Amino acid sequence: MQPGLYHILFISGALFFTGVYGFLTRRNLITMLMSIELILNSVNLNFVAFNKYVWPGKMDGLFFTLFIIAIAAAEAAVAIAIIINLYRSHKSIDVENAEDLKY
């Protein structure tokens, strides 16, 4: 039995809210970055599901998904570089220790 659109949307919603919960409750920058990646993956799952079930003849959802994957890879590379520099200067990757980076 093949999963339907509602099953995929349920999984995508669970991924999205897990990512939002992880982003809002964690204070570790690596964990927050992984939560953002969960949110982006849930959006990708939505694009692919709607492309398959609502507009099966078009490729728009797949192109958006590839674009988001490329943006997520660039975002992860920049974020990890920032986290490494923060760790070198403050010896911690806690969000509260990054407070002095504002000014």
PDB file of N, CA and C in Angstrom:
ATOM      1  N   MET A   1       0.832  -1.186   0.000  1.00  0.00           N
ATOM      2  CA  MET A   1       0.000   0.000   0.000  1.00  0.00           C
ATOM      3  C   MET A   1       0.875   1.247   0.000  1.00  0.00           C
ATOM      4  N   GLN A   2       0.598   2.133  -0.903  1.00  0.00           N
ATOM      5  CA  GLN A   2       1.370   3.360  -1.034  1.00  0.00           C
ATOM      6  C   GLN A   2       0.803   4.445  -0.117  1.00  0.00           C
ATOM      7  N   PRO A   3       1.670   5.189   0.578  1.00  0.00           N
ATOM      8  CA  PRO A   3       1.148   6.240   1.458  1.00  0.00           C
ATOM      9  C   PRO A   3       0.514   7.370   0.645  1.00  0.00           C
ATOM     10  N   GLY A   4      -0.582   7.894   1.175  1.00  0.00           N
ATOM     11  CA  GLY A   4      -1.286   8.969   0.490  1.00  0.00           C
ATOM     12  C   GLY A   4      -0.738  10.328   0.876  1.00  0.00           C
ATOM     13  N   LEU A   5      -1.370  11.354   0.334  1.00  0.00           N
ATOM     14  CA  LEU A   5      -0.928  12.720   0.582  1.00  0.00           C
ATOM     15  C   LEU A   5      -1.050  13.078   2.055  1.00  0.00           C
ATOM     16  N   TYR A   6      -2.131  12.656   2.702  1.00  0.00           N
ATOM     17  CA  TYR A   6      -2.320  13.003   4.116  1.00  0.00           C
ATOM     18  C   TYR A   6      -1.264  12.362   5.013  1.00  0.00           C
ATOM     19  N   HIS A   7      -0.824  11.158   4.676  1.00  0.00           N
ATOM     20  CA  HIS A   7       0.226  10.507   5.460  1.00  0.00           C
ATOM     21  C   HIS A   7       1.532  11.285   5.355  1.00  0.00           C
ATOM     22  N   ILE A   8       1.861  11.689   4.147  1.00  0.00           N
ATOM     23  CA  ILE A   8       3.104  12.439   3.935  1.00  0.00           C
ATOM     24  C   ILE A   8       3.028  13.802   4.602  1.00  0.00           C
ATOM     25  N   LEU A   9       1.868  14.451   4.523  1.00  0.00           N
ATOM     26  CA  LEU A   9       1.717  15.751   5.178  1.00  0.00           C
ATOM     27  C   LEU A   9       1.784  15.621   6.700  1.00  0.00           C
ATOM     28  N   PHE A  10       1.294  14.521   7.246  1.00  0.00           N
ATOM     29  CA  PHE A  10       1.409  14.296   8.684  1.00  0.00           C
ATOM     30  C   PHE A  10       2.874  14.153   9.097  1.00  0.00           C
ATOM     31  N   ILE A  11       3.642  13.387   8.335  1.00  0.00           N
ATOM     32  CA  ILE A  11       5.069  13.227   8.630  1.00  0.00           C
ATOM     33  C   ILE A  11       5.789  14.557   8.486  1.00  0.00           C
ATOM     34  N   SER A  12       5.440  15.311   7.460  1.00  0.00           N
ATOM     35  CA  SER A  12       6.059  16.616   7.254  1.00  0.00           C
ATOM     36  C   SER A  12       5.733  17.581   8.384  1.00  0.00           C
ATOM     37  N   GLY A  13       4.499  17.559   8.843  1.00  0.00           N
ATOM     38  CA  GLY A  13       4.120  18.406   9.978  1.00  0.00           C
ATOM     39  C   GLY A  13       4.846  18.017  11.247  1.00  0.00           C
ATOM     40  N   ALA A  14       5.004  16.706  11.457  1.00  0.00           N
ATOM     41  CA  ALA A  14       5.748  16.246  12.635  1.00  0.00           C
ATOM     42  C   ALA A  14       7.206  16.687  12.570  1.00  0.00           C
ATOM     43  N   LEU A  15       7.816  16.605  11.386  1.00  0.00           N
ATOM     44  CA  LEU A  15       9.185  17.085  11.218  1.00  0.00           C
ATOM     45  C   LEU A  15       9.292  18.578  11.474  1.00  0.00           C
ATOM     46  N   PHE A  16       8.325  19.333  10.949  1.00  0.00           N
ATOM     47  CA  PHE A  16       8.347  20.780  11.101  1.00  0.00           C
ATOM     48  C   PHE A  16       8.242  21.186  12.568  1.00  0.00           C
ATOM     49  N   PHE A  17       7.280  20.623  13.278  1.00  0.00           N
ATOM     50  CA  PHE A  17       7.094  21.011  14.669  1.00  0.00           C
ATOM     51  C   PHE A  17       8.197  20.474  15.575  1.00  0.00           C
ATOM     52  N   THR A  18       8.813  19.354  15.219  1.00  0.00           N
ATOM     53  CA  THR A  18       9.989  18.888  15.947  1.00  0.00           C
ATOM     54  C   THR A  18      11.139  19.873  15.767  1.00  0.00           C
ATOM     55  N   GLY A  19      11.305  20.370  14.544  1.00  0.00           N
ATOM     56  CA  GLY A  19      12.345  21.365  14.288  1.00  0.00           C
ATOM     57  C   GLY A  19      12.090  22.672  15.018  1.00  0.00           C
ATOM     58  N   VAL A  20      10.847  23.140  15.030  1.00  0.00           N
ATOM     59  CA  VAL A  20      10.516  24.379  15.740  1.00  0.00           C
ATOM     60  C   VAL A  20      10.736  24.197  17.239  1.00  0.00           C
ATOM     61  N   TYR A  21      10.319  23.066  17.783  1.00  0.00           N
ATOM     62  CA  TYR A  21      10.509  22.798  19.209  1.00  0.00           C
ATOM     63  C   TYR A  21      11.994  22.754  19.557  1.00  0.00           C
ATOM     64  N   GLY A  22      12.776  22.078  18.724  1.00  0.00           N
ATOM     65  CA  GLY A  22      14.210  22.001  18.969  1.00  0.00           C
ATOM     66  C   GLY A  22      14.886  23.353  18.872  1.00  0.00           C
ATOM     67  N   PHE A  23      14.442  24.177  17.949  1.00  0.00           N
ATOM     68  CA  PHE A  23      15.043  25.504  17.790  1.00  0.00           C
ATOM     69  C   PHE A  23      14.709  26.401  18.972  1.00  0.00           C
ATOM     70  N   LEU A  24      13.487  26.316  19.471  1.00  0.00           N
ATOM     71  CA  LEU A  24      13.074  27.210  20.547  1.00  0.00           C
ATOM     72  C   LEU A  24      13.538  26.765  21.930  1.00  0.00           C
ATOM     73  N   THR A  25      13.798  25.485  22.124  1.00  0.00           N
ATOM     74  CA  THR A  25      14.138  25.004  23.459  1.00  0.00           C
ATOM     75  C   THR A  25      15.623  24.774  23.673  1.00  0.00           C
ATOM     76  N   ARG A  26      16.389  24.558  22.655  1.00  0.00           N
ATOM     77  CA  ARG A  26      17.808  24.246  22.823  1.00  0.00           C
ATOM     78  C   ARG A  26      18.637  25.520  22.855  1.00  0.00           C
ATOM     79  N   ARG A  27      19.748  25.467  23.535  1.00  0.00           N
ATOM     80  CA  ARG A  27      20.655  26.610  23.639  1.00  0.00           C
ATOM     81  C   ARG A  27      21.980  26.331  22.950  1.00  0.00           C
ATOM     82  N   ASN A  28      22.149  25.161  22.388  1.00  0.00           N
ATOM     83  CA  ASN A  28      23.364  24.789  21.692  1.00  0.00           C
ATOM     84  C   ASN A  28      23.219  25.171  20.217  1.00  0.00           C
ATOM     85  N   LEU A  29      24.213  25.848  19.663  1.00  0.00           N
ATOM     86  CA  LEU A  29      24.101  26.318  18.280  1.00  0.00           C
ATOM     87  C   LEU A  29      24.053  25.175  17.271  1.00  0.00           C
ATOM     88  N   ILE A  30      24.753  24.081  17.528  1.00  0.00           N
ATOM     89  CA  ILE A  30      24.719  22.932  16.612  1.00  0.00           C
ATOM     90  C   ILE A  30      23.326  22.317  16.591  1.00  0.00           C
ATOM     91  N   THR A  31      22.706  22.191  17.744  1.00  0.00           N
ATOM     92  CA  THR A  31      21.359  21.631  17.821  1.00  0.00           C
ATOM     93  C   THR A  31      20.355  22.553  17.143  1.00  0.00           C
ATOM     94  N   MET A  32      20.548  23.853  17.282  1.00  0.00           N
ATOM     95  CA  MET A  32      19.657  24.799  16.602  1.00  0.00           C
ATOM     96  C   MET A  32      19.825  24.710  15.089  1.00  0.00           C
ATOM     97  N   LEU A  33      21.053  24.509  14.620  1.00  0.00           N
ATOM     98  CA  LEU A  33      21.296  24.344  13.187  1.00  0.00           C
ATOM     99  C   LEU A  33      20.624  23.068  12.669  1.00  0.00           C
ATOM    100  N   MET A  34      20.690  21.987  13.437  1.00  0.00           N
ATOM    101  CA  MET A  34      20.027  20.749  13.026  1.00  0.00           C
ATOM    102  C   MET A  34      18.512  20.922  13.007  1.00  0.00           C
ATOM    103  N   SER A  35      17.982  21.726  13.902  1.00  0.00           N
ATOM    104  CA  SER A  35      16.542  21.986  13.914  1.00  0.00           C
ATOM    105  C   SER A  35      16.111  22.763  12.676  1.00  0.00           C
ATOM    106  N   ILE A  36      16.918  23.708  12.256  1.00  0.00           N
ATOM    107  CA  ILE A  36      16.621  24.441  11.020  1.00  0.00           C
ATOM    108  C   ILE A  36      16.640  23.501   9.823  1.00  0.00           C
ATOM    109  N   GLU A  37      17.577  22.562   9.828  1.00  0.00           N
ATOM    110  CA  GLU A  37      17.628  21.584   8.740  1.00  0.00           C
ATOM    111  C   GLU A  37      16.381  20.691   8.741  1.00  0.00           C
ATOM    112  N   LEU A  38      15.869  20.337   9.916  1.00  0.00           N
ATOM    113  CA  LEU A  38      14.622  19.565   9.984  1.00  0.00           C
ATOM    114  C   LEU A  38      13.462  20.350   9.373  1.00  0.00           C
ATOM    115  N   ILE A  39      13.407  21.639   9.672  1.00  0.00           N
ATOM    116  CA  ILE A  39      12.340  22.483   9.117  1.00  0.00           C
ATOM    117  C   ILE A  39      12.451  22.545   7.602  1.00  0.00           C
ATOM    118  N   LEU A  40      13.660  22.723   7.085  1.00  0.00           N
ATOM    119  CA  LEU A  40      13.836  22.775   5.632  1.00  0.00           C
ATOM    120  C   LEU A  40      13.500  21.436   4.978  1.00  0.00           C
ATOM    121  N   ASN A  41      13.816  20.331   5.642  1.00  0.00           N
ATOM    122  CA  ASN A  41      13.476  19.018   5.081  1.00  0.00           C
ATOM    123  C   ASN A  41      11.972  18.779   5.079  1.00  0.00           C
ATOM    124  N   SER A  42      11.261  19.317   6.067  1.00  0.00           N
ATOM    125  CA  SER A  42       9.806  19.170   6.041  1.00  0.00           C
ATOM    126  C   SER A  42       9.207  19.976   4.891  1.00  0.00           C
ATOM    127  N   VAL A  43       9.775  21.132   4.607  1.00  0.00           N
ATOM    128  CA  VAL A  43       9.308  21.917   3.456  1.00  0.00           C
ATOM    129  C   VAL A  43       9.585  21.169   2.149  1.00  0.00           C
ATOM    130  N   ASN A  44      10.758  20.550   2.058  1.00  0.00           N
ATOM    131  CA  ASN A  44      11.076  19.756   0.867  1.00  0.00           C
ATOM    132  C   ASN A  44      10.097  18.605   0.687  1.00  0.00           C
ATOM    133  N   LEU A  45       9.755  17.953   1.777  1.00  0.00           N
ATOM    134  CA  LEU A  45       8.793  16.854   1.714  1.00  0.00           C
ATOM    135  C   LEU A  45       7.425  17.334   1.237  1.00  0.00           C
ATOM    136  N   ASN A  46       7.020  18.513   1.683  1.00  0.00           N
ATOM    137  CA  ASN A  46       5.764  19.097   1.201  1.00  0.00           C
ATOM    138  C   ASN A  46       5.809  19.373  -0.294  1.00  0.00           C
ATOM    139  N   PHE A  47       6.899  19.958  -0.766  1.00  0.00           N
ATOM    140  CA  PHE A  47       7.013  20.259  -2.197  1.00  0.00           C
ATOM    141  C   PHE A  47       6.929  18.986  -3.037  1.00  0.00           C
ATOM    142  N   VAL A  48       7.631  17.944  -2.618  1.00  0.00           N
ATOM    143  CA  VAL A  48       7.620  16.692  -3.379  1.00  0.00           C
ATOM    144  C   VAL A  48       6.243  16.036  -3.325  1.00  0.00           C
ATOM    145  N   ALA A  49       5.592  16.055  -2.165  1.00  0.00           N
ATOM    146  CA  ALA A  49       4.273  15.432  -2.033  1.00  0.00           C
ATOM    147  C   ALA A  49       3.243  16.149  -2.882  1.00  0.00           C
ATOM    148  N   PHE A  50       3.228  17.473  -2.815  1.00  0.00           N
ATOM    149  CA  PHE A  50       2.259  18.208  -3.626  1.00  0.00           C
ATOM    150  C   PHE A  50       2.562  18.076  -5.112  1.00  0.00           C
ATOM    151  N   ASN A  51       3.837  17.992  -5.464  1.00  0.00           N
ATOM    152  CA  ASN A  51       4.179  17.797  -6.862  1.00  0.00           C
ATOM    153  C   ASN A  51       3.677  16.446  -7.365  1.00  0.00           C
ATOM    154  N   LYS A  52       3.754  15.417  -6.513  1.00  0.00           N
ATOM    155  CA  LYS A  52       3.336  14.078  -6.938  1.00  0.00           C
ATOM    156  C   LYS A  52       1.824  13.923  -6.977  1.00  0.00           C
ATOM    157  N   TYR A  53       1.128  14.442  -5.972  1.00  0.00           N
ATOM    158  CA  TYR A  53      -0.295  14.158  -5.839  1.00  0.00           C
ATOM    159  C   TYR A  53      -1.200  15.238  -6.425  1.00  0.00           C
ATOM    160  N   VAL A  54      -0.783  16.481  -6.440  1.00  0.00           N
ATOM    161  CA  VAL A  54      -1.662  17.543  -6.920  1.00  0.00           C
ATOM    162  C   VAL A  54      -1.357  17.900  -8.366  1.00  0.00           C
ATOM    163  N   TRP A  55      -0.067  18.047  -8.704  1.00  0.00           N
ATOM    164  CA  TRP A  55       0.337  18.380 -10.067  1.00  0.00           C
ATOM    165  C   TRP A  55       1.326  17.333 -10.567  1.00  0.00           C
ATOM    166  N   PRO A  56       0.857  16.128 -10.904  1.00  0.00           N
ATOM    167  CA  PRO A  56       1.797  15.047 -11.245  1.00  0.00           C
ATOM    168  C   PRO A  56       2.559  15.261 -12.545  1.00  0.00           C
ATOM    169  N   GLY A  57       2.057  16.081 -13.444  1.00  0.00           N
ATOM    170  CA  GLY A  57       2.740  16.269 -14.716  1.00  0.00           C
ATOM    171  C   GLY A  57       3.799  17.348 -14.703  1.00  0.00           C
ATOM    172  N   LYS A  58       3.857  18.125 -13.646  1.00  0.00           N
ATOM    173  CA  LYS A  58       4.796  19.247 -13.594  1.00  0.00           C
ATOM    174  C   LYS A  58       6.009  18.897 -12.738  1.00  0.00           C
ATOM    175  N   MET A  59       7.059  19.662 -12.920  1.00  0.00           N
ATOM    176  CA  MET A  59       8.300  19.424 -12.177  1.00  0.00           C
ATOM    177  C   MET A  59       8.641  20.583 -11.248  1.00  0.00           C
ATOM    178  N   ASP A  60       7.700  21.486 -11.008  1.00  0.00           N
ATOM    179  CA  ASP A  60       7.985  22.680 -10.211  1.00  0.00           C
ATOM    180  C   ASP A  60       8.407  22.337  -8.787  1.00  0.00           C
ATOM    181  N   GLY A  61       7.717  21.417  -8.144  1.00  0.00           N
ATOM    182  CA  GLY A  61       8.037  21.045  -6.770  1.00  0.00           C
ATOM    183  C   GLY A  61       9.425  20.448  -6.643  1.00  0.00           C
ATOM    184  N   LEU A  62       9.817  19.659  -7.627  1.00  0.00           N
ATOM    185  CA  LEU A  62      11.147  19.059  -7.586  1.00  0.00           C
ATOM    186  C   LEU A  62      12.240  20.098  -7.782  1.00  0.00           C
ATOM    187  N   PHE A  63      11.993  21.080  -8.642  1.00  0.00           N
ATOM    188  CA  PHE A  63      12.982  22.142  -8.835  1.00  0.00           C
ATOM    189  C   PHE A  63      13.122  23.001  -7.584  1.00  0.00           C
ATOM    190  N   PHE A  64      11.996  23.307  -6.936  1.00  0.00           N
ATOM    191  CA  PHE A  64      12.066  24.052  -5.680  1.00  0.00           C
ATOM    192  C   PHE A  64      12.820  23.251  -4.622  1.00  0.00           C
ATOM    193  N   THR A  65      12.605  21.949  -4.591  1.00  0.00           N
ATOM    194  CA  THR A  65      13.294  21.101  -3.627  1.00  0.00           C
ATOM    195  C   THR A  65      14.796  21.116  -3.856  1.00  0.00           C
ATOM    196  N   LEU A  66      15.225  20.999  -5.099  1.00  0.00           N
ATOM    197  CA  LEU A  66      16.655  21.059  -5.396  1.00  0.00           C
ATOM    198  C   LEU A  66      17.251  22.410  -5.028  1.00  0.00           C
ATOM    199  N   PHE A  67      16.506  23.473  -5.258  1.00  0.00           N
ATOM    200  CA  PHE A  67      16.967  24.807  -4.899  1.00  0.00           C
ATOM    201  C   PHE A  67      17.110  24.935  -3.384  1.00  0.00           C
ATOM    202  N   ILE A  68      16.157  24.425  -2.626  1.00  0.00           N
ATOM    203  CA  ILE A  68      16.220  24.497  -1.164  1.00  0.00           C
ATOM    204  C   ILE A  68      17.370  23.652  -0.631  1.00  0.00           C
ATOM    205  N   ILE A  69      17.636  22.510  -1.236  1.00  0.00           N
ATOM    206  CA  ILE A  69      18.762  21.678  -0.804  1.00  0.00           C
ATOM    207  C   ILE A  69      20.073  22.416  -1.014  1.00  0.00           C
ATOM    208  N   ALA A  70      20.215  23.116  -2.135  1.00  0.00           N
ATOM    209  CA  ALA A  70      21.434  23.883  -2.391  1.00  0.00           C
ATOM    210  C   ALA A  70      21.576  25.036  -1.396  1.00  0.00           C
ATOM    211  N   ILE A  71      20.488  25.731  -1.119  1.00  0.00           N
ATOM    212  CA  ILE A  71      20.523  26.830  -0.155  1.00  0.00           C
ATOM    213  C   ILE A  71      20.841  26.300   1.242  1.00  0.00           C
ATOM    214  N   ALA A  72      20.274  25.153   1.611  1.00  0.00           N
ATOM    215  CA  ALA A  72      20.528  24.571   2.934  1.00  0.00           C
ATOM    216  C   ALA A  72      21.988  24.156   3.084  1.00  0.00           C
ATOM    217  N   ALA A  73      22.591  23.654   2.013  1.00  0.00           N
ATOM    218  CA  ALA A  73      24.002  23.278   2.085  1.00  0.00           C
ATOM    219  C   ALA A  73      24.885  24.508   2.288  1.00  0.00           C
ATOM    220  N   ALA A  74      24.582  25.584   1.580  1.00  0.00           N
ATOM    221  CA  ALA A  74      25.352  26.820   1.752  1.00  0.00           C
ATOM    222  C   ALA A  74      25.132  27.404   3.143  1.00  0.00           C
ATOM    223  N   GLU A  75      23.902  27.365   3.621  1.00  0.00           N
ATOM    224  CA  GLU A  75      23.585  27.882   4.956  1.00  0.00           C
ATOM    225  C   GLU A  75      24.303  27.082   6.031  1.00  0.00           C
ATOM    226  N   ALA A  76      24.362  25.779   5.877  1.00  0.00           N
ATOM    227  CA  ALA A  76      25.044  24.943   6.858  1.00  0.00           C
ATOM    228  C   ALA A  76      26.546  25.222   6.863  1.00  0.00           C
ATOM    229  N   ALA A  77      27.134  25.427   5.700  1.00  0.00           N
ATOM    230  CA  ALA A  77      28.567  25.712   5.633  1.00  0.00           C
ATOM    231  C   ALA A  77      28.896  27.040   6.309  1.00  0.00           C
ATOM    232  N   VAL A  78      28.103  28.060   6.055  1.00  0.00           N
ATOM    233  CA  VAL A  78      28.334  29.367   6.684  1.00  0.00           C
ATOM    234  C   VAL A  78      28.100  29.292   8.183  1.00  0.00           C
ATOM    235  N   ALA A  79      27.039  28.606   8.596  1.00  0.00           N
ATOM    236  CA  ALA A  79      26.733  28.507  10.025  1.00  0.00           C
ATOM    237  C   ALA A  79      27.812  27.733  10.772  1.00  0.00           C
ATOM    238  N   ILE A  80      28.326  26.677  10.195  1.00  0.00           N
ATOM    239  CA  ILE A  80      29.382  25.915  10.861  1.00  0.00           C
ATOM    240  C   ILE A  80      30.657  26.741  10.954  1.00  0.00           C
ATOM    241  N   ALA A  81      30.967  27.539   9.931  1.00  0.00           N
ATOM    242  CA  ALA A  81      32.132  28.424  10.004  1.00  0.00           C
ATOM    243  C   ALA A  81      31.967  29.453  11.124  1.00  0.00           C
ATOM    244  N   ILE A  82      30.778  30.000  11.267  1.00  0.00           N
ATOM    245  CA  ILE A  82      30.524  30.957  12.348  1.00  0.00           C
ATOM    246  C   ILE A  82      30.633  30.276  13.709  1.00  0.00           C
ATOM    247  N   ILE A  83      30.103  29.066  13.823  1.00  0.00           N
ATOM    248  CA  ILE A  83      30.162  28.332  15.090  1.00  0.00           C
ATOM    249  C   ILE A  83      31.607  27.995  15.452  1.00  0.00           C
ATOM    250  N   ILE A  84      32.415  27.622  14.475  1.00  0.00           N
ATOM    251  CA  ILE A  84      33.831  27.322  14.748  1.00  0.00           C
ATOM    252  C   ILE A  84      34.561  28.568  15.230  1.00  0.00           C
ATOM    253  N   ASN A  85      34.319  29.706  14.585  1.00  0.00           N
ATOM    254  CA  ASN A  85      34.951  30.951  15.039  1.00  0.00           C
ATOM    255  C   ASN A  85      34.478  31.348  16.431  1.00  0.00           C
ATOM    256  N   LEU A  86      33.210  31.146  16.710  1.00  0.00           N
ATOM    257  CA  LEU A  86      32.683  31.448  18.041  1.00  0.00           C
ATOM    258  C   LEU A  86      33.320  30.545  19.089  1.00  0.00           C
ATOM    259  N   TYR A  87      33.512  29.274  18.764  1.00  0.00           N
ATOM    260  CA  TYR A  87      34.139  28.357  19.710  1.00  0.00           C
ATOM    261  C   TYR A  87      35.601  28.728  19.951  1.00  0.00           C
ATOM    262  N   ARG A  88      36.293  29.152  18.895  1.00  0.00           N
ATOM    263  CA  ARG A  88      37.695  29.542  19.062  1.00  0.00           C
ATOM    264  C   ARG A  88      37.846  30.771  19.953  1.00  0.00           C
ATOM    265  N   SER A  89      36.911  31.703  19.844  1.00  0.00           N
ATOM    266  CA  SER A  89      37.055  32.928  20.620  1.00  0.00           C
ATOM    267  C   SER A  89      36.464  32.823  22.022  1.00  0.00           C
ATOM    268  N   HIS A  90      35.407  32.038  22.217  1.00  0.00           N
ATOM    269  CA  HIS A  90      34.719  31.996  23.507  1.00  0.00           C
ATOM    270  C   HIS A  90      34.812  30.648  24.216  1.00  0.00           C
ATOM    271  N   LYS A  91      35.355  29.623  23.543  1.00  0.00           N
ATOM    272  CA  LYS A  91      35.468  28.259  24.099  1.00  0.00           C
ATOM    273  C   LYS A  91      34.110  27.667  24.479  1.00  0.00           C
ATOM    274  N   SER A  92      33.056  28.085  23.778  1.00  0.00           N
ATOM    275  CA  SER A  92      31.716  27.558  24.031  1.00  0.00           C
ATOM    276  C   SER A  92      30.852  27.823  22.803  1.00  0.00           C
ATOM    277  N   ILE A  93      29.862  26.961  22.587  1.00  0.00           N
ATOM    278  CA  ILE A  93      28.910  27.186  21.499  1.00  0.00           C
ATOM    279  C   ILE A  93      27.504  27.392  22.053  1.00  0.00           C
ATOM    280  N   ASP A  94      27.435  27.881  23.270  1.00  0.00           N
ATOM    281  CA  ASP A  94      26.164  28.170  23.898  1.00  0.00           C
ATOM    282  C   ASP A  94      25.635  29.512  23.402  1.00  0.00           C
ATOM    283  N   VAL A  95      24.327  29.626  23.258  1.00  0.00           N
ATOM    284  CA  VAL A  95      23.732  30.843  22.706  1.00  0.00           C
ATOM    285  C   VAL A  95      23.943  32.033  23.625  1.00  0.00           C
ATOM    286  N   GLU A  96      23.884  31.823  24.931  1.00  0.00           N
ATOM    287  CA  GLU A  96      24.063  32.929  25.863  1.00  0.00           C
ATOM    288  C   GLU A  96      25.461  33.523  25.791  1.00  0.00           C
ATOM    289  N   ASN A  97      26.454  32.712  25.440  1.00  0.00           N
ATOM    290  CA  ASN A  97      27.821  33.222  25.314  1.00  0.00           C
ATOM    291  C   ASN A  97      28.027  34.001  24.027  1.00  0.00           C
ATOM    292  N   ALA A  98      27.122  33.876  23.076  1.00  0.00           N
ATOM    293  CA  ALA A  98      27.227  34.608  21.820  1.00  0.00           C
ATOM    294  C   ALA A  98      26.571  35.976  21.922  1.00  0.00           C
ATOM    295  N   GLU A  99      26.139  36.374  23.107  1.00  0.00           N
ATOM    296  CA  GLU A  99      25.440  37.635  23.303  1.00  0.00           C
ATOM    297  C   GLU A  99      26.311  38.839  22.939  1.00  0.00           C
ATOM    298  N   ASP A 100      27.609  38.775  23.198  1.00  0.00           N
ATOM    299  CA  ASP A 100      28.466  39.932  22.933  1.00  0.00           C
ATOM    300  C   ASP A 100      28.813  40.084  21.443  1.00  0.00           C
ATOM    301  N   LEU A 101      28.346  39.192  20.588  1.00  0.00           N
ATOM    302  CA  LEU A 101      28.589  39.327  19.154  1.00  0.00           C
ATOM    303  C   LEU A 101      27.642  40.333  18.510  1.00  0.00           C
ATOM    304  N   LYS A 102      26.669  40.823  19.255  1.00  0.00           N
ATOM    305  CA  LYS A 102      25.707  41.774  18.700  1.00  0.00           C
ATOM    306  C   LYS A 102      26.370  43.102  18.350  1.00  0.00           C
ATOM    307  N   TYR A 103      27.292  43.555  19.190  1.00  0.00           N
ATOM    308  CA  TYR A 103      27.833  44.909  19.032  1.00  0.00           C
ATOM    309  C   TYR A 103      29.265  44.912  18.606  1.00  0.00           C
TER     310      TYR A 103
END
